[in-house]
Protein backbone atom coordinates (compact mmCIF):
# COMPACT_ATOMS: atom_id res chain seq x y z
CA UNK A 1 0.00 0.00 0.00
CA UNK A 2 2.81 2.35 0.89
CA UNK A 3 4.35 1.85 -2.60
CA UNK A 4 1.03 2.63 -4.27
CA UNK A 5 0.66 5.88 -2.29
CA UNK A 6 4.23 6.91 -3.17
CA UNK A 7 3.66 6.14 -6.86
CA UNK A 8 0.46 8.20 -6.93
CA UNK A 9 2.16 11.06 -5.07
CA UNK A 10 5.13 11.05 -7.49
CA UNK A 11 2.79 10.92 -10.49
CA UNK A 12 0.83 13.87 -9.11
CA UNK A 13 4.02 15.86 -8.55
CA UNK A 14 5.22 15.08 -12.07
CA UNK A 15 1.87 16.04 -13.57
CA UNK A 16 1.76 19.25 -11.52
CA UNK A 17 5.29 20.10 -12.63
CA UNK A 18 4.37 19.41 -16.27
CA UNK A 19 1.29 21.61 -16.03
CA UNK A 20 3.33 24.42 -14.42
CA UNK A 21 5.98 24.08 -17.16
CA UNK A 22 3.33 24.18 -19.89
CA UNK A 23 1.74 27.25 -18.28
CA UNK A 24 5.18 28.91 -18.11
CA UNK A 25 5.81 28.17 -21.79
CA UNK A 26 2.37 29.48 -22.77
CA UNK A 27 2.92 32.67 -20.71
CA UNK A 28 6.32 33.21 -22.30
CA UNK A 29 4.83 32.74 -25.79
CA UNK A 30 2.08 35.23 -24.91
CA UNK A 31 4.66 37.73 -23.59
CA UNK A 32 6.76 37.28 -26.71
CA UNK A 33 3.72 37.87 -28.93
CA UNK A 34 2.74 40.98 -26.95
CA UNK A 35 6.18 42.57 -27.22
CA UNK A 36 6.74 41.51 -30.83
CA UNK A 37 3.45 43.29 -31.62
CA UNK A 38 4.37 46.38 -29.58
CA UNK A 39 7.81 46.54 -31.21
CA UNK A 40 6.30 46.18 -34.68
CA UNK A 41 3.68 48.85 -33.88
CA UNK A 42 6.49 51.20 -32.84
CA UNK A 43 8.43 50.50 -36.04
CA UNK A 44 5.29 50.97 -38.15
CA UNK A 45 4.64 54.33 -36.49
CA UNK A 46 8.24 55.41 -37.16
CA UNK A 47 7.95 54.35 -40.81
CA UNK A 48 4.68 56.28 -41.16
CA UNK A 49 6.17 59.25 -39.29
CA UNK A 50 3.16 58.99 -36.97
CA UNK A 51 4.32 61.40 -34.28
CA UNK A 52 1.24 60.85 -32.09
CA UNK A 53 1.72 57.09 -31.88
CA UNK A 54 5.49 57.32 -31.36
CA UNK A 55 4.85 59.87 -28.62
CA UNK A 56 2.55 57.39 -26.85
CA UNK A 57 4.92 54.43 -27.24
CA UNK A 58 8.10 56.22 -26.11
CA UNK A 59 8.07 57.10 -22.40
CA UNK A 60 8.68 60.77 -21.56
CA UNK A 61 12.19 60.00 -20.29
CA UNK A 62 12.97 57.51 -23.08
CA UNK A 63 16.68 57.18 -23.92
CA UNK A 64 18.30 55.22 -26.72
CA UNK A 65 21.98 54.52 -27.11
CA UNK A 66 22.55 53.71 -30.74
CA UNK A 67 25.57 52.71 -32.79
CA UNK A 68 28.66 54.63 -31.83
CA UNK A 69 27.87 57.24 -29.21
CA UNK A 70 24.53 58.41 -30.58
CA UNK A 71 22.16 59.09 -27.70
CA UNK A 72 18.58 59.80 -28.60
CA UNK A 73 15.62 61.02 -26.57
CA UNK A 74 11.91 61.09 -27.20
CA UNK A 75 12.15 64.79 -28.09
CA UNK A 76 14.93 64.14 -30.61
CA UNK A 77 13.08 61.21 -32.18
CA UNK A 78 9.93 63.29 -32.61
CA UNK A 79 11.92 66.17 -34.14
CA UNK A 80 13.64 63.84 -36.63
CA UNK A 81 10.28 62.32 -37.60
CA UNK A 82 8.76 65.76 -38.04
CA UNK A 83 11.67 66.89 -40.24
CA UNK A 84 11.18 64.00 -42.67
CA UNK A 85 14.92 63.85 -43.42
CA UNK A 86 15.33 60.20 -42.44
CA UNK A 87 12.80 57.52 -43.31
CA UNK A 88 12.77 53.87 -42.37
CA UNK A 89 11.49 52.17 -45.51
CA UNK A 90 11.89 48.52 -44.57
CA UNK A 91 12.50 46.92 -41.20
CA UNK A 92 12.34 43.20 -40.64
CA UNK A 93 12.59 41.78 -37.15
CA UNK A 94 14.36 38.52 -36.49
CA UNK A 95 14.05 36.39 -33.37
CA UNK A 96 13.12 38.16 -30.14
CA UNK A 97 13.58 37.06 -26.56
CA UNK A 98 11.38 38.48 -23.80
CA UNK A 99 12.26 38.43 -20.12
CA UNK A 100 9.57 39.62 -17.73
CA UNK A 101 10.94 41.29 -14.59
CA UNK A 102 7.70 41.30 -12.67
CA UNK A 103 4.30 42.37 -13.94
CA UNK A 104 5.32 45.83 -15.11
CA UNK A 105 8.84 45.58 -16.57
CA UNK A 106 9.97 43.61 -19.63
CA UNK A 107 13.32 43.34 -21.39
CA UNK A 108 13.23 42.50 -25.09
CA UNK A 109 16.31 41.46 -27.07
CA UNK A 110 16.32 40.82 -30.78
CA UNK A 111 17.61 41.56 -34.25
CA UNK A 112 16.43 43.99 -36.90
CA UNK A 113 17.40 44.40 -40.54
CA UNK A 114 16.84 48.03 -41.43
CA UNK A 115 16.91 49.93 -44.71
CA UNK A 116 16.82 53.67 -44.18
CA UNK A 117 16.95 56.58 -46.53
CA UNK A 118 18.43 60.02 -46.19
CA UNK A 119 16.97 61.96 -49.09
CA UNK A 120 16.62 59.63 -52.09
CA UNK A 121 19.34 57.08 -51.27
CA UNK A 122 18.12 53.81 -49.78
CA UNK A 123 20.61 51.58 -47.99
CA UNK A 124 21.11 47.91 -48.81
CA UNK A 125 20.09 46.85 -45.33
CA UNK A 126 21.93 46.78 -42.05
CA UNK A 127 21.63 44.16 -39.34
CA UNK A 128 21.29 45.44 -35.78
CA UNK A 129 20.95 43.78 -32.40
CA UNK A 130 18.85 45.58 -29.85
CA UNK A 131 17.66 45.49 -26.28
CA UNK A 132 14.58 47.43 -25.17
CA UNK A 133 13.20 47.95 -21.68
CA UNK A 134 9.43 48.40 -21.46
CA UNK A 135 7.47 49.58 -18.41
CA UNK A 136 3.78 49.30 -17.74
CA UNK A 137 2.06 52.46 -16.53
CA UNK A 138 -1.56 51.75 -15.70
CA UNK A 139 -2.76 49.47 -18.49
CA UNK A 140 -0.31 50.67 -21.18
CA UNK A 141 3.22 49.62 -22.02
CA UNK A 142 5.82 52.25 -22.94
CA UNK A 143 9.45 51.88 -23.94
CA UNK A 144 11.79 53.60 -21.51
CA UNK A 145 15.28 52.49 -22.59
CA UNK A 146 16.74 51.06 -25.77
CA UNK A 147 20.17 50.14 -26.99
CA UNK A 148 21.21 48.97 -30.44
CA UNK A 149 24.42 48.06 -32.18
CA UNK A 150 25.26 47.44 -35.80
CA UNK A 151 26.41 43.90 -36.56
CA UNK A 152 29.50 43.93 -38.74
C-alpha atoms as a PDB file:
ATOM      1  CA  UNK A   1       0.000   0.000   0.000  1.00  0.00           C
ATOM      2  CA  UNK A   2       2.810   2.351   0.887  1.00  0.00           C
ATOM      3  CA  UNK A   3       4.353   1.854  -2.596  1.00  0.00           C
ATOM      4  CA  UNK A   4       1.029   2.627  -4.268  1.00  0.00           C
ATOM      5  CA  UNK A   5       0.662   5.884  -2.289  1.00  0.00           C
ATOM      6  CA  UNK A   6       4.228   6.912  -3.171  1.00  0.00           C
ATOM      7  CA  UNK A   7       3.655   6.140  -6.858  1.00  0.00           C
ATOM      8  CA  UNK A   8       0.458   8.203  -6.931  1.00  0.00           C
ATOM      9  CA  UNK A   9       2.161  11.057  -5.065  1.00  0.00           C
ATOM     10  CA  UNK A  10       5.129  11.050  -7.493  1.00  0.00           C
ATOM     11  CA  UNK A  11       2.795  10.921 -10.491  1.00  0.00           C
ATOM     12  CA  UNK A  12       0.830  13.875  -9.108  1.00  0.00           C
ATOM     13  CA  UNK A  13       4.021  15.864  -8.553  1.00  0.00           C
ATOM     14  CA  UNK A  14       5.218  15.083 -12.073  1.00  0.00           C
ATOM     15  CA  UNK A  15       1.865  16.036 -13.571  1.00  0.00           C
ATOM     16  CA  UNK A  16       1.763  19.255 -11.520  1.00  0.00           C
ATOM     17  CA  UNK A  17       5.288  20.104 -12.634  1.00  0.00           C
ATOM     18  CA  UNK A  18       4.374  19.407 -16.267  1.00  0.00           C
ATOM     19  CA  UNK A  19       1.291  21.607 -16.029  1.00  0.00           C
ATOM     20  CA  UNK A  20       3.333  24.415 -14.424  1.00  0.00           C
ATOM     21  CA  UNK A  21       5.983  24.076 -17.156  1.00  0.00           C
ATOM     22  CA  UNK A  22       3.331  24.177 -19.889  1.00  0.00           C
ATOM     23  CA  UNK A  23       1.740  27.250 -18.285  1.00  0.00           C
ATOM     24  CA  UNK A  24       5.178  28.915 -18.112  1.00  0.00           C
ATOM     25  CA  UNK A  25       5.811  28.168 -21.793  1.00  0.00           C
ATOM     26  CA  UNK A  26       2.373  29.484 -22.766  1.00  0.00           C
ATOM     27  CA  UNK A  27       2.916  32.673 -20.706  1.00  0.00           C
ATOM     28  CA  UNK A  28       6.325  33.211 -22.303  1.00  0.00           C
ATOM     29  CA  UNK A  29       4.828  32.736 -25.791  1.00  0.00           C
ATOM     30  CA  UNK A  30       2.079  35.227 -24.911  1.00  0.00           C
ATOM     31  CA  UNK A  31       4.656  37.734 -23.594  1.00  0.00           C
ATOM     32  CA  UNK A  32       6.764  37.277 -26.714  1.00  0.00           C
ATOM     33  CA  UNK A  33       3.719  37.865 -28.935  1.00  0.00           C
ATOM     34  CA  UNK A  34       2.741  40.976 -26.950  1.00  0.00           C
ATOM     35  CA  UNK A  35       6.182  42.573 -27.225  1.00  0.00           C
ATOM     36  CA  UNK A  36       6.736  41.509 -30.832  1.00  0.00           C
ATOM     37  CA  UNK A  37       3.453  43.290 -31.620  1.00  0.00           C
ATOM     38  CA  UNK A  38       4.365  46.384 -29.580  1.00  0.00           C
ATOM     39  CA  UNK A  39       7.807  46.541 -31.205  1.00  0.00           C
ATOM     40  CA  UNK A  40       6.297  46.182 -34.684  1.00  0.00           C
ATOM     41  CA  UNK A  41       3.685  48.850 -33.885  1.00  0.00           C
ATOM     42  CA  UNK A  42       6.491  51.197 -32.835  1.00  0.00           C
ATOM     43  CA  UNK A  43       8.427  50.502 -36.044  1.00  0.00           C
ATOM     44  CA  UNK A  44       5.286  50.966 -38.154  1.00  0.00           C
ATOM     45  CA  UNK A  45       4.643  54.332 -36.487  1.00  0.00           C
ATOM     46  CA  UNK A  46       8.243  55.413 -37.162  1.00  0.00           C
ATOM     47  CA  UNK A  47       7.951  54.352 -40.812  1.00  0.00           C
ATOM     48  CA  UNK A  48       4.678  56.280 -41.162  1.00  0.00           C
ATOM     49  CA  UNK A  49       6.169  59.251 -39.294  1.00  0.00           C
ATOM     50  CA  UNK A  50       3.160  58.994 -36.972  1.00  0.00           C
ATOM     51  CA  UNK A  51       4.320  61.400 -34.281  1.00  0.00           C
ATOM     52  CA  UNK A  52       1.240  60.853 -32.094  1.00  0.00           C
ATOM     53  CA  UNK A  53       1.720  57.094 -31.877  1.00  0.00           C
ATOM     54  CA  UNK A  54       5.486  57.315 -31.362  1.00  0.00           C
ATOM     55  CA  UNK A  55       4.852  59.866 -28.616  1.00  0.00           C
ATOM     56  CA  UNK A  56       2.545  57.389 -26.849  1.00  0.00           C
ATOM     57  CA  UNK A  57       4.923  54.431 -27.238  1.00  0.00           C
ATOM     58  CA  UNK A  58       8.095  56.216 -26.111  1.00  0.00           C
ATOM     59  CA  UNK A  59       8.074  57.096 -22.399  1.00  0.00           C
ATOM     60  CA  UNK A  60       8.677  60.773 -21.564  1.00  0.00           C
ATOM     61  CA  UNK A  61      12.186  60.000 -20.289  1.00  0.00           C
ATOM     62  CA  UNK A  62      12.971  57.511 -23.082  1.00  0.00           C
ATOM     63  CA  UNK A  63      16.676  57.183 -23.923  1.00  0.00           C
ATOM     64  CA  UNK A  64      18.299  55.222 -26.718  1.00  0.00           C
ATOM     65  CA  UNK A  65      21.976  54.522 -27.111  1.00  0.00           C
ATOM     66  CA  UNK A  66      22.554  53.708 -30.742  1.00  0.00           C
ATOM     67  CA  UNK A  67      25.568  52.705 -32.792  1.00  0.00           C
ATOM     68  CA  UNK A  68      28.660  54.628 -31.826  1.00  0.00           C
ATOM     69  CA  UNK A  69      27.874  57.236 -29.213  1.00  0.00           C
ATOM     70  CA  UNK A  70      24.527  58.407 -30.579  1.00  0.00           C
ATOM     71  CA  UNK A  71      22.158  59.089 -27.698  1.00  0.00           C
ATOM     72  CA  UNK A  72      18.576  59.800 -28.603  1.00  0.00           C
ATOM     73  CA  UNK A  73      15.620  61.018 -26.567  1.00  0.00           C
ATOM     74  CA  UNK A  74      11.908  61.089 -27.197  1.00  0.00           C
ATOM     75  CA  UNK A  75      12.151  64.788 -28.087  1.00  0.00           C
ATOM     76  CA  UNK A  76      14.932  64.145 -30.612  1.00  0.00           C
ATOM     77  CA  UNK A  77      13.084  61.208 -32.180  1.00  0.00           C
ATOM     78  CA  UNK A  78       9.931  63.290 -32.612  1.00  0.00           C
ATOM     79  CA  UNK A  79      11.921  66.173 -34.141  1.00  0.00           C
ATOM     80  CA  UNK A  80      13.641  63.835 -36.632  1.00  0.00           C
ATOM     81  CA  UNK A  81      10.281  62.323 -37.600  1.00  0.00           C
ATOM     82  CA  UNK A  82       8.759  65.763 -38.042  1.00  0.00           C
ATOM     83  CA  UNK A  83      11.670  66.892 -40.243  1.00  0.00           C
ATOM     84  CA  UNK A  84      11.176  64.002 -42.669  1.00  0.00           C
ATOM     85  CA  UNK A  85      14.921  63.847 -43.424  1.00  0.00           C
ATOM     86  CA  UNK A  86      15.333  60.201 -42.436  1.00  0.00           C
ATOM     87  CA  UNK A  87      12.802  57.521 -43.306  1.00  0.00           C
ATOM     88  CA  UNK A  88      12.767  53.874 -42.371  1.00  0.00           C
ATOM     89  CA  UNK A  89      11.490  52.171 -45.507  1.00  0.00           C
ATOM     90  CA  UNK A  90      11.890  48.518 -44.573  1.00  0.00           C
ATOM     91  CA  UNK A  91      12.499  46.923 -41.204  1.00  0.00           C
ATOM     92  CA  UNK A  92      12.337  43.201 -40.644  1.00  0.00           C
ATOM     93  CA  UNK A  93      12.593  41.778 -37.151  1.00  0.00           C
ATOM     94  CA  UNK A  94      14.356  38.516 -36.490  1.00  0.00           C
ATOM     95  CA  UNK A  95      14.050  36.392 -33.375  1.00  0.00           C
ATOM     96  CA  UNK A  96      13.117  38.158 -30.143  1.00  0.00           C
ATOM     97  CA  UNK A  97      13.577  37.059 -26.562  1.00  0.00           C
ATOM     98  CA  UNK A  98      11.383  38.476 -23.802  1.00  0.00           C
ATOM     99  CA  UNK A  99      12.264  38.433 -20.118  1.00  0.00           C
ATOM    100  CA  UNK A 100       9.567  39.619 -17.732  1.00  0.00           C
ATOM    101  CA  UNK A 101      10.941  41.288 -14.589  1.00  0.00           C
ATOM    102  CA  UNK A 102       7.701  41.297 -12.668  1.00  0.00           C
ATOM    103  CA  UNK A 103       4.296  42.366 -13.937  1.00  0.00           C
ATOM    104  CA  UNK A 104       5.319  45.826 -15.106  1.00  0.00           C
ATOM    105  CA  UNK A 105       8.839  45.576 -16.574  1.00  0.00           C
ATOM    106  CA  UNK A 106       9.972  43.614 -19.630  1.00  0.00           C
ATOM    107  CA  UNK A 107      13.318  43.341 -21.389  1.00  0.00           C
ATOM    108  CA  UNK A 108      13.231  42.496 -25.088  1.00  0.00           C
ATOM    109  CA  UNK A 109      16.312  41.465 -27.068  1.00  0.00           C
ATOM    110  CA  UNK A 110      16.318  40.821 -30.781  1.00  0.00           C
ATOM    111  CA  UNK A 111      17.605  41.561 -34.250  1.00  0.00           C
ATOM    112  CA  UNK A 112      16.434  43.989 -36.897  1.00  0.00           C
ATOM    113  CA  UNK A 113      17.396  44.397 -40.543  1.00  0.00           C
ATOM    114  CA  UNK A 114      16.839  48.031 -41.433  1.00  0.00           C
ATOM    115  CA  UNK A 115      16.910  49.929 -44.708  1.00  0.00           C
ATOM    116  CA  UNK A 116      16.823  53.667 -44.184  1.00  0.00           C
ATOM    117  CA  UNK A 117      16.950  56.582 -46.526  1.00  0.00           C
ATOM    118  CA  UNK A 118      18.426  60.018 -46.187  1.00  0.00           C
ATOM    119  CA  UNK A 119      16.965  61.958 -49.085  1.00  0.00           C
ATOM    120  CA  UNK A 120      16.625  59.632 -52.093  1.00  0.00           C
ATOM    121  CA  UNK A 121      19.343  57.078 -51.272  1.00  0.00           C
ATOM    122  CA  UNK A 122      18.116  53.808 -49.778  1.00  0.00           C
ATOM    123  CA  UNK A 123      20.614  51.577 -47.992  1.00  0.00           C
ATOM    124  CA  UNK A 124      21.108  47.912 -48.814  1.00  0.00           C
ATOM    125  CA  UNK A 125      20.091  46.845 -45.327  1.00  0.00           C
ATOM    126  CA  UNK A 126      21.930  46.784 -42.052  1.00  0.00           C
ATOM    127  CA  UNK A 127      21.627  44.161 -39.339  1.00  0.00           C
ATOM    128  CA  UNK A 128      21.285  45.441 -35.779  1.00  0.00           C
ATOM    129  CA  UNK A 129      20.953  43.776 -32.402  1.00  0.00           C
ATOM    130  CA  UNK A 130      18.846  45.583 -29.847  1.00  0.00           C
ATOM    131  CA  UNK A 131      17.662  45.489 -26.279  1.00  0.00           C
ATOM    132  CA  UNK A 132      14.582  47.425 -25.168  1.00  0.00           C
ATOM    133  CA  UNK A 133      13.196  47.953 -21.681  1.00  0.00           C
ATOM    134  CA  UNK A 134       9.428  48.396 -21.460  1.00  0.00           C
ATOM    135  CA  UNK A 135       7.470  49.579 -18.406  1.00  0.00           C
ATOM    136  CA  UNK A 136       3.782  49.303 -17.741  1.00  0.00           C
ATOM    137  CA  UNK A 137       2.058  52.457 -16.533  1.00  0.00           C
ATOM    138  CA  UNK A 138      -1.561  51.749 -15.701  1.00  0.00           C
ATOM    139  CA  UNK A 139      -2.759  49.471 -18.487  1.00  0.00           C
ATOM    140  CA  UNK A 140      -0.313  50.672 -21.185  1.00  0.00           C
ATOM    141  CA  UNK A 141       3.222  49.616 -22.017  1.00  0.00           C
ATOM    142  CA  UNK A 142       5.824  52.248 -22.941  1.00  0.00           C
ATOM    143  CA  UNK A 143       9.446  51.879 -23.944  1.00  0.00           C
ATOM    144  CA  UNK A 144      11.787  53.598 -21.511  1.00  0.00           C
ATOM    145  CA  UNK A 145      15.280  52.486 -22.591  1.00  0.00           C
ATOM    146  CA  UNK A 146      16.743  51.058 -25.772  1.00  0.00           C
ATOM    147  CA  UNK A 147      20.171  50.139 -26.991  1.00  0.00           C
ATOM    148  CA  UNK A 148      21.211  48.974 -30.438  1.00  0.00           C
ATOM    149  CA  UNK A 149      24.423  48.059 -32.179  1.00  0.00           C
ATOM    150  CA  UNK A 150      25.264  47.443 -35.805  1.00  0.00           C
ATOM    151  CA  UNK A 151      26.415  43.898 -36.558  1.00  0.00           C
ATOM    152  CA  UNK A 152      29.503  43.929 -38.745  1.00  0.00           C
END
